[in-house]
Amino acid sequence: DYTWRADFVKGRFAISRDNAKNAVY
């Protein structure tokens, strides 16, 4: 429900999670 990004990311990076694969990206 909450995502935080460092200022230097500037919207260039995104995090995602796949619980079925037990992995994050």
PDB file of all heavy atoms in Angstrom:
ATOM      1  N   ASP A   1       0.810  -1.218   0.000  1.00  0.00           N
ATOM      2  CA  ASP A   1       0.000   0.000   0.000  1.00  0.00           C
ATOM      3  C   ASP A   1       0.840   1.264   0.000  1.00  0.00           C
ATOM      4  O   ASP A   1       0.303   2.369  -0.203  1.00  0.00           O
ATOM      5  CB  ASP A   1      -0.914   0.015   1.236  1.00  0.00           C
ATOM      6  CG  ASP A   1      -2.053  -0.972   1.100  1.00  0.00           C
ATOM      7  OD1 ASP A   1      -2.514  -1.204  -0.033  1.00  0.00           O
ATOM      8  OD2 ASP A   1      -2.485  -1.522   2.133  1.00  0.00           O
ATOM      9  N   TYR A   2       2.118   1.128   0.278  1.00  0.00           N
ATOM     10  CA  TYR A   2       2.989   2.299   0.384  1.00  0.00           C
ATOM     11  C   TYR A   2       4.312   2.003  -0.297  1.00  0.00           C
ATOM     12  O   TYR A   2       4.918   0.960  -0.086  1.00  0.00           O
ATOM     13  CB  TYR A   2       3.239   2.619   1.858  1.00  0.00           C
ATOM     14  CG  TYR A   2       4.284   3.691   2.104  1.00  0.00           C
ATOM     15  CD1 TYR A   2       3.932   5.035   2.064  1.00  0.00           C
ATOM     16  CD2 TYR A   2       5.601   3.360   2.390  1.00  0.00           C
ATOM     17  CE1 TYR A   2       4.878   6.021   2.298  1.00  0.00           C
ATOM     18  CE2 TYR A   2       6.545   4.325   2.619  1.00  0.00           C
ATOM     19  CZ  TYR A   2       6.197   5.660   2.573  1.00  0.00           C
ATOM     20  OH  TYR A   2       7.134   6.630   2.791  1.00  0.00           O
ATOM     21  N   THR A   3       4.745   2.948  -1.128  1.00  0.00           N
ATOM     22  CA  THR A   3       6.042   2.869  -1.782  1.00  0.00           C
ATOM     23  C   THR A   3       6.759   4.195  -1.600  1.00  0.00           C
ATOM     24  O   THR A   3       6.153   5.265  -1.735  1.00  0.00           O
ATOM     25  CB  THR A   3       5.900   2.576  -3.286  1.00  0.00           C
ATOM     26  OG1 THR A   3       5.203   1.342  -3.473  1.00  0.00           O
ATOM     27  CG2 THR A   3       7.266   2.461  -3.953  1.00  0.00           C
ATOM     28  N   TRP A   4       8.034   4.118  -1.290  1.00  0.00           N
ATOM     29  CA  TRP A   4       8.867   5.314  -1.137  1.00  0.00           C
ATOM     30  C   TRP A   4       9.997   5.243  -2.155  1.00  0.00           C
ATOM     31  O   TRP A   4      10.535   4.155  -2.423  1.00  0.00           O
ATOM     32  CB  TRP A   4       9.438   5.363   0.276  1.00  0.00           C
ATOM     33  CG  TRP A   4      10.477   6.420   0.469  1.00  0.00           C
ATOM     34  CD1 TRP A   4      10.278   7.711   0.821  1.00  0.00           C
ATOM     35  CD2 TRP A   4      11.890   6.268   0.307  1.00  0.00           C
ATOM     36  NE1 TRP A   4      11.466   8.376   0.897  1.00  0.00           N
ATOM     37  CE2 TRP A   4      12.479   7.518   0.580  1.00  0.00           C
ATOM     38  CE3 TRP A   4      12.711   5.207  -0.059  1.00  0.00           C
ATOM     39  CZ2 TRP A   4      13.850   7.727   0.515  1.00  0.00           C
ATOM     40  CZ3 TRP A   4      14.074   5.409  -0.120  1.00  0.00           C
ATOM     41  CH2 TRP A   4      14.639   6.657   0.163  1.00  0.00           C
ATOM     42  N   ARG A   5      10.345   6.382  -2.714  1.00  0.00           N
ATOM     43  CA  ARG A   5      11.458   6.453  -3.670  1.00  0.00           C
ATOM     44  C   ARG A   5      12.410   7.560  -3.246  1.00  0.00           C
ATOM     45  O   ARG A   5      11.964   8.639  -2.843  1.00  0.00           O
ATOM     46  CB  ARG A   5      10.958   6.755  -5.082  1.00  0.00           C
ATOM     47  CG  ARG A   5      10.090   5.682  -5.687  1.00  0.00           C
ATOM     48  CD  ARG A   5       9.534   6.137  -7.025  1.00  0.00           C
ATOM     49  NE  ARG A   5       8.756   5.090  -7.676  1.00  0.00           N
ATOM     50  CZ  ARG A   5       7.493   4.843  -7.409  1.00  0.00           C
ATOM     51  NH1 ARG A   5       6.852   5.553  -6.496  1.00  0.00           N
ATOM     52  NH2 ARG A   5       6.856   3.875  -8.055  1.00  0.00           N
ATOM     53  N   ALA A   6      13.698   7.331  -3.364  1.00  0.00           N
ATOM     54  CA  ALA A   6      14.679   8.374  -3.118  1.00  0.00           C
ATOM     55  C   ALA A   6      14.524   9.478  -4.156  1.00  0.00           C
ATOM     56  O   ALA A   6      14.071   9.237  -5.285  1.00  0.00           O
ATOM     57  CB  ALA A   6      16.087   7.792  -3.179  1.00  0.00           C
ATOM     58  N   ASP A   7      14.908  10.680  -3.783  1.00  0.00           N
ATOM     59  CA  ASP A   7      14.752  11.822  -4.701  1.00  0.00           C
ATOM     60  C   ASP A   7      15.483  11.595  -6.016  1.00  0.00           C
ATOM     61  O   ASP A   7      15.012  12.001  -7.091  1.00  0.00           O
ATOM     62  CB  ASP A   7      15.266  13.090  -4.031  1.00  0.00           C
ATOM     63  CG  ASP A   7      14.353  13.578  -2.928  1.00  0.00           C
ATOM     64  OD1 ASP A   7      13.190  13.138  -2.882  1.00  0.00           O
ATOM     65  OD2 ASP A   7      14.793  14.402  -2.100  1.00  0.00           O
ATOM     66  N   PHE A   8      16.637  10.947  -5.963  1.00  0.00           N
ATOM     67  CA  PHE A   8      17.428  10.781  -7.183  1.00  0.00           C
ATOM     68  C   PHE A   8      16.782   9.805  -8.166  1.00  0.00           C
ATOM     69  O   PHE A   8      17.181   9.739  -9.319  1.00  0.00           O
ATOM     70  CB  PHE A   8      18.864  10.336  -6.862  1.00  0.00           C
ATOM     71  CG  PHE A   8      18.973   9.021  -6.136  1.00  0.00           C
ATOM     72  CD1 PHE A   8      18.804   7.823  -6.820  1.00  0.00           C
ATOM     73  CD2 PHE A   8      19.252   8.982  -4.791  1.00  0.00           C
ATOM     74  CE1 PHE A   8      18.915   6.617  -6.169  1.00  0.00           C
ATOM     75  CE2 PHE A   8      19.365   7.777  -4.115  1.00  0.00           C
ATOM     76  CZ  PHE A   8      19.195   6.581  -4.800  1.00  0.00           C
ATOM     77  N   VAL A   9      15.800   9.052  -7.729  1.00  0.00           N
ATOM     78  CA  VAL A   9      15.118   8.120  -8.627  1.00  0.00           C
ATOM     79  C   VAL A   9      14.333   8.888  -9.691  1.00  0.00           C
ATOM     80  O   VAL A   9      14.284   8.476 -10.852  1.00  0.00           O
ATOM     81  CB  VAL A   9      14.201   7.178  -7.839  1.00  0.00           C
ATOM     82  CG1 VAL A   9      13.302   6.368  -8.769  1.00  0.00           C
ATOM     83  CG2 VAL A   9      15.032   6.246  -6.973  1.00  0.00           C
ATOM     84  N   LYS A  10      13.712   9.993  -9.289  1.00  0.00           N
ATOM     85  CA  LYS A  10      13.014  10.887 -10.233  1.00  0.00           C
ATOM     86  C   LYS A  10      11.997  10.144 -11.095  1.00  0.00           C
ATOM     87  O   LYS A  10      11.811  10.473 -12.259  1.00  0.00           O
ATOM     88  CB  LYS A  10      14.020  11.594 -11.147  1.00  0.00           C
ATOM     89  CG  LYS A  10      15.076  12.401 -10.421  1.00  0.00           C
ATOM     90  CD  LYS A  10      16.116  12.916 -11.407  1.00  0.00           C
ATOM     91  CE  LYS A  10      17.314  13.481 -10.715  1.00  0.00           C
ATOM     92  NZ  LYS A  10      18.385  13.870 -11.667  1.00  0.00           N
ATOM     93  N   GLY A  11      11.366   9.141 -10.561  1.00  0.00           N
ATOM     94  CA  GLY A  11      10.370   8.408 -11.316  1.00  0.00           C
ATOM     95  C   GLY A  11      10.932   7.407 -12.307  1.00  0.00           C
ATOM     96  O   GLY A  11      10.181   6.797 -13.065  1.00  0.00           O
ATOM     97  N   ARG A  12      12.251   7.216 -12.316  1.00  0.00           N
ATOM     98  CA  ARG A  12      12.867   6.315 -13.279  1.00  0.00           C
ATOM     99  C   ARG A  12      12.808   4.852 -12.869  1.00  0.00           C
ATOM    100  O   ARG A  12      12.927   3.960 -13.731  1.00  0.00           O
ATOM    101  CB  ARG A  12      14.342   6.715 -13.471  1.00  0.00           C
ATOM    102  CG  ARG A  12      14.553   8.135 -13.961  1.00  0.00           C
ATOM    103  CD  ARG A  12      16.036   8.457 -14.073  1.00  0.00           C
ATOM    104  NE  ARG A  12      16.681   8.411 -12.742  1.00  0.00           N
ATOM    105  CZ  ARG A  12      17.826   7.774 -12.490  1.00  0.00           C
ATOM    106  NH1 ARG A  12      18.446   7.120 -13.453  1.00  0.00           N
ATOM    107  NH2 ARG A  12      18.341   7.795 -11.276  1.00  0.00           N
ATOM    108  N   PHE A  13      12.658   4.593 -11.579  1.00  0.00           N
ATOM    109  CA  PHE A  13      12.703   3.222 -11.061  1.00  0.00           C
ATOM    110  C   PHE A  13      11.330   2.851 -10.496  1.00  0.00           C
ATOM    111  O   PHE A  13      10.597   3.701  -9.985  1.00  0.00           O
ATOM    112  CB  PHE A  13      13.730   3.098  -9.946  1.00  0.00           C
ATOM    113  CG  PHE A  13      15.166   3.374 -10.329  1.00  0.00           C
ATOM    114  CD1 PHE A  13      16.147   3.341  -9.361  1.00  0.00           C
ATOM    115  CD2 PHE A  13      15.532   3.655 -11.643  1.00  0.00           C
ATOM    116  CE1 PHE A  13      17.477   3.589  -9.675  1.00  0.00           C
ATOM    117  CE2 PHE A  13      16.852   3.913 -11.968  1.00  0.00           C
ATOM    118  CZ  PHE A  13      17.831   3.875 -10.988  1.00  0.00           C
ATOM    119  N   ALA A  14      11.032   1.566 -10.542  1.00  0.00           N
ATOM    120  CA  ALA A  14       9.797   1.064  -9.958  1.00  0.00           C
ATOM    121  C   ALA A  14      10.061  -0.275  -9.300  1.00  0.00           C
ATOM    122  O   ALA A  14      10.881  -1.061  -9.778  1.00  0.00           O
ATOM    123  CB  ALA A  14       8.715   0.928 -11.022  1.00  0.00           C
ATOM    124  N   ILE A  15       9.351  -0.526  -8.231  1.00  0.00           N
ATOM    125  CA  ILE A  15       9.477  -1.787  -7.509  1.00  0.00           C
ATOM    126  C   ILE A  15       8.188  -2.575  -7.691  1.00  0.00           C
ATOM    127  O   ILE A  15       7.102  -1.994  -7.736  1.00  0.00           O
ATOM    128  CB  ILE A  15       9.789  -1.518  -6.015  1.00  0.00           C
ATOM    129  CG1 ILE A  15      10.163  -2.795  -5.284  1.00  0.00           C
ATOM    130  CG2 ILE A  15       8.631  -0.800  -5.340  1.00  0.00           C
ATOM    131  CD1 ILE A  15      10.695  -2.536  -3.868  1.00  0.00           C
ATOM    132  N   SER A  16       8.319  -3.876  -7.808  1.00  0.00           N
ATOM    133  CA  SER A  16       7.132  -4.716  -7.917  1.00  0.00           C
ATOM    134  C   SER A  16       7.392  -6.029  -7.205  1.00  0.00           C
ATOM    135  O   SER A  16       8.537  -6.390  -6.947  1.00  0.00           O
ATOM    136  CB  SER A  16       6.754  -4.958  -9.372  1.00  0.00           C
ATOM    137  OG  SER A  16       7.802  -5.623 -10.062  1.00  0.00           O
ATOM    138  N   ARG A  17       6.328  -6.730  -6.921  1.00  0.00           N
ATOM    139  CA  ARG A  17       6.412  -7.960  -6.153  1.00  0.00           C
ATOM    140  C   ARG A  17       5.556  -9.016  -6.830  1.00  0.00           C
ATOM    141  O   ARG A  17       4.467  -8.720  -7.304  1.00  0.00           O
ATOM    142  CB  ARG A  17       5.897  -7.697  -4.743  1.00  0.00           C
ATOM    143  CG  ARG A  17       6.083  -8.793  -3.737  1.00  0.00           C
ATOM    144  CD  ARG A  17       5.173  -8.591  -2.538  1.00  0.00           C
ATOM    145  NE  ARG A  17       5.370  -7.351  -1.851  1.00  0.00           N
ATOM    146  CZ  ARG A  17       6.027  -7.234  -0.698  1.00  0.00           C
ATOM    147  NH1 ARG A  17       6.578  -8.304  -0.157  1.00  0.00           N
ATOM    148  NH2 ARG A  17       6.115  -6.073  -0.088  1.00  0.00           N
ATOM    149  N   ASP A  18       6.052 -10.232  -6.905  1.00  0.00           N
ATOM    150  CA  ASP A  18       5.289 -11.362  -7.429  1.00  0.00           C
ATOM    151  C   ASP A  18       5.274 -12.425  -6.336  1.00  0.00           C
ATOM    152  O   ASP A  18       6.227 -13.192  -6.183  1.00  0.00           O
ATOM    153  CB  ASP A  18       5.932 -11.894  -8.708  1.00  0.00           C
ATOM    154  CG  ASP A  18       5.103 -12.976  -9.369  1.00  0.00           C
ATOM    155  OD1 ASP A  18       4.284 -13.630  -8.674  1.00  0.00           O
ATOM    156  OD2 ASP A  18       5.271 -13.193 -10.578  1.00  0.00           O
ATOM    157  N   ASN A  19       4.197 -12.459  -5.580  1.00  0.00           N
ATOM    158  CA  ASN A  19       4.137 -13.387  -4.454  1.00  0.00           C
ATOM    159  C   ASN A  19       4.100 -14.843  -4.924  1.00  0.00           C
ATOM    160  O   ASN A  19       4.597 -15.730  -4.227  1.00  0.00           O
ATOM    161  CB  ASN A  19       2.921 -13.083  -3.584  1.00  0.00           C
ATOM    162  CG  ASN A  19       3.091 -11.785  -2.812  1.00  0.00           C
ATOM    163  OD1 ASN A  19       4.208 -11.376  -2.505  1.00  0.00           O
ATOM    164  ND2 ASN A  19       1.985 -11.136  -2.494  1.00  0.00           N
ATOM    165  N   ALA A  20       3.542 -15.087  -6.080  1.00  0.00           N
ATOM    166  CA  ALA A  20       3.499 -16.455  -6.591  1.00  0.00           C
ATOM    167  C   ALA A  20       4.902 -17.000  -6.850  1.00  0.00           C
ATOM    168  O   ALA A  20       5.163 -18.196  -6.666  1.00  0.00           O
ATOM    169  CB  ALA A  20       2.663 -16.509  -7.865  1.00  0.00           C
ATOM    170  N   LYS A  21       5.789 -16.118  -7.267  1.00  0.00           N
ATOM    171  CA  LYS A  21       7.175 -16.517  -7.528  1.00  0.00           C
ATOM    172  C   LYS A  21       8.085 -16.231  -6.338  1.00  0.00           C
ATOM    173  O   LYS A  21       9.279 -16.519  -6.388  1.00  0.00           O
ATOM    174  CB  LYS A  21       7.711 -15.796  -8.766  1.00  0.00           C
ATOM    175  CG  LYS A  21       6.989 -16.187 -10.045  1.00  0.00           C
ATOM    176  CD  LYS A  21       7.624 -15.511 -11.253  1.00  0.00           C
ATOM    177  CE  LYS A  21       6.942 -15.961 -12.536  1.00  0.00           C
ATOM    178  NZ  LYS A  21       7.527 -15.313 -13.734  1.00  0.00           N
ATOM    179  N   ASN A  22       7.515 -15.634  -5.299  1.00  0.00           N
ATOM    180  CA  ASN A  22       8.291 -15.266  -4.115  1.00  0.00           C
ATOM    181  C   ASN A  22       9.496 -14.403  -4.499  1.00  0.00           C
ATOM    182  O   ASN A  22      10.646 -14.686  -4.106  1.00  0.00           O
ATOM    183  CB  ASN A  22       8.745 -16.506  -3.338  1.00  0.00           C
ATOM    184  CG  ASN A  22       8.882 -16.236  -1.847  1.00  0.00           C
ATOM    185  OD1 ASN A  22       8.236 -15.344  -1.302  1.00  0.00           O
ATOM    186  ND2 ASN A  22       9.725 -17.007  -1.181  1.00  0.00           N
ATOM    187  N   ALA A  23       9.216 -13.374  -5.270  1.00  0.00           N
ATOM    188  CA  ALA A  23      10.284 -12.533  -5.799  1.00  0.00           C
ATOM    189  C   ALA A  23       9.841 -11.085  -5.846  1.00  0.00           C
ATOM    190  O   ALA A  23       8.640 -10.787  -5.886  1.00  0.00           O
ATOM    191  CB  ALA A  23      10.683 -12.999  -7.199  1.00  0.00           C
ATOM    192  N   VAL A  24      10.818 -10.206  -5.837  1.00  0.00           N
ATOM    193  CA  VAL A  24      10.576  -8.782  -6.034  1.00  0.00           C
ATOM    194  C   VAL A  24      11.495  -8.302  -7.139  1.00  0.00           C
ATOM    195  O   VAL A  24      12.523  -8.932  -7.417  1.00  0.00           O
ATOM    196  CB  VAL A  24      10.791  -7.963  -4.752  1.00  0.00           C
ATOM    197  CG1 VAL A  24       9.758  -8.325  -3.716  1.00  0.00           C
ATOM    198  CG2 VAL A  24      12.196  -8.150  -4.212  1.00  0.00           C
ATOM    199  N   TYR A  25      11.117  -7.178  -7.736  1.00  0.00           N
ATOM    200  CA  TYR A  25      11.852  -6.691  -8.892  1.00  0.00           C
ATOM    201  C   TYR A  25      12.084  -5.193  -8.756  1.00  0.00           C
ATOM    202  O   TYR A  25      11.287  -4.474  -8.147  1.00  0.00           O
ATOM    203  CB  TYR A  25      11.063  -6.977 -10.172  1.00  0.00           C
ATOM    204  CG  TYR A  25      10.688  -8.424 -10.314  1.00  0.00           C
ATOM    205  CD1 TYR A  25       9.442  -8.879  -9.920  1.00  0.00           C
ATOM    206  CD2 TYR A  25      11.605  -9.347 -10.823  1.00  0.00           C
ATOM    207  CE1 TYR A  25       9.102 -10.209 -10.022  1.00  0.00           C
ATOM    208  CE2 TYR A  25      11.267 -10.692 -10.923  1.00  0.00           C
ATOM    209  CZ  TYR A  25      10.020 -11.114 -10.523  1.00  0.00           C
ATOM    210  OH  TYR A  25       9.695 -12.441 -10.626  1.00  0.00           O
TER     211      TYR A  25
END
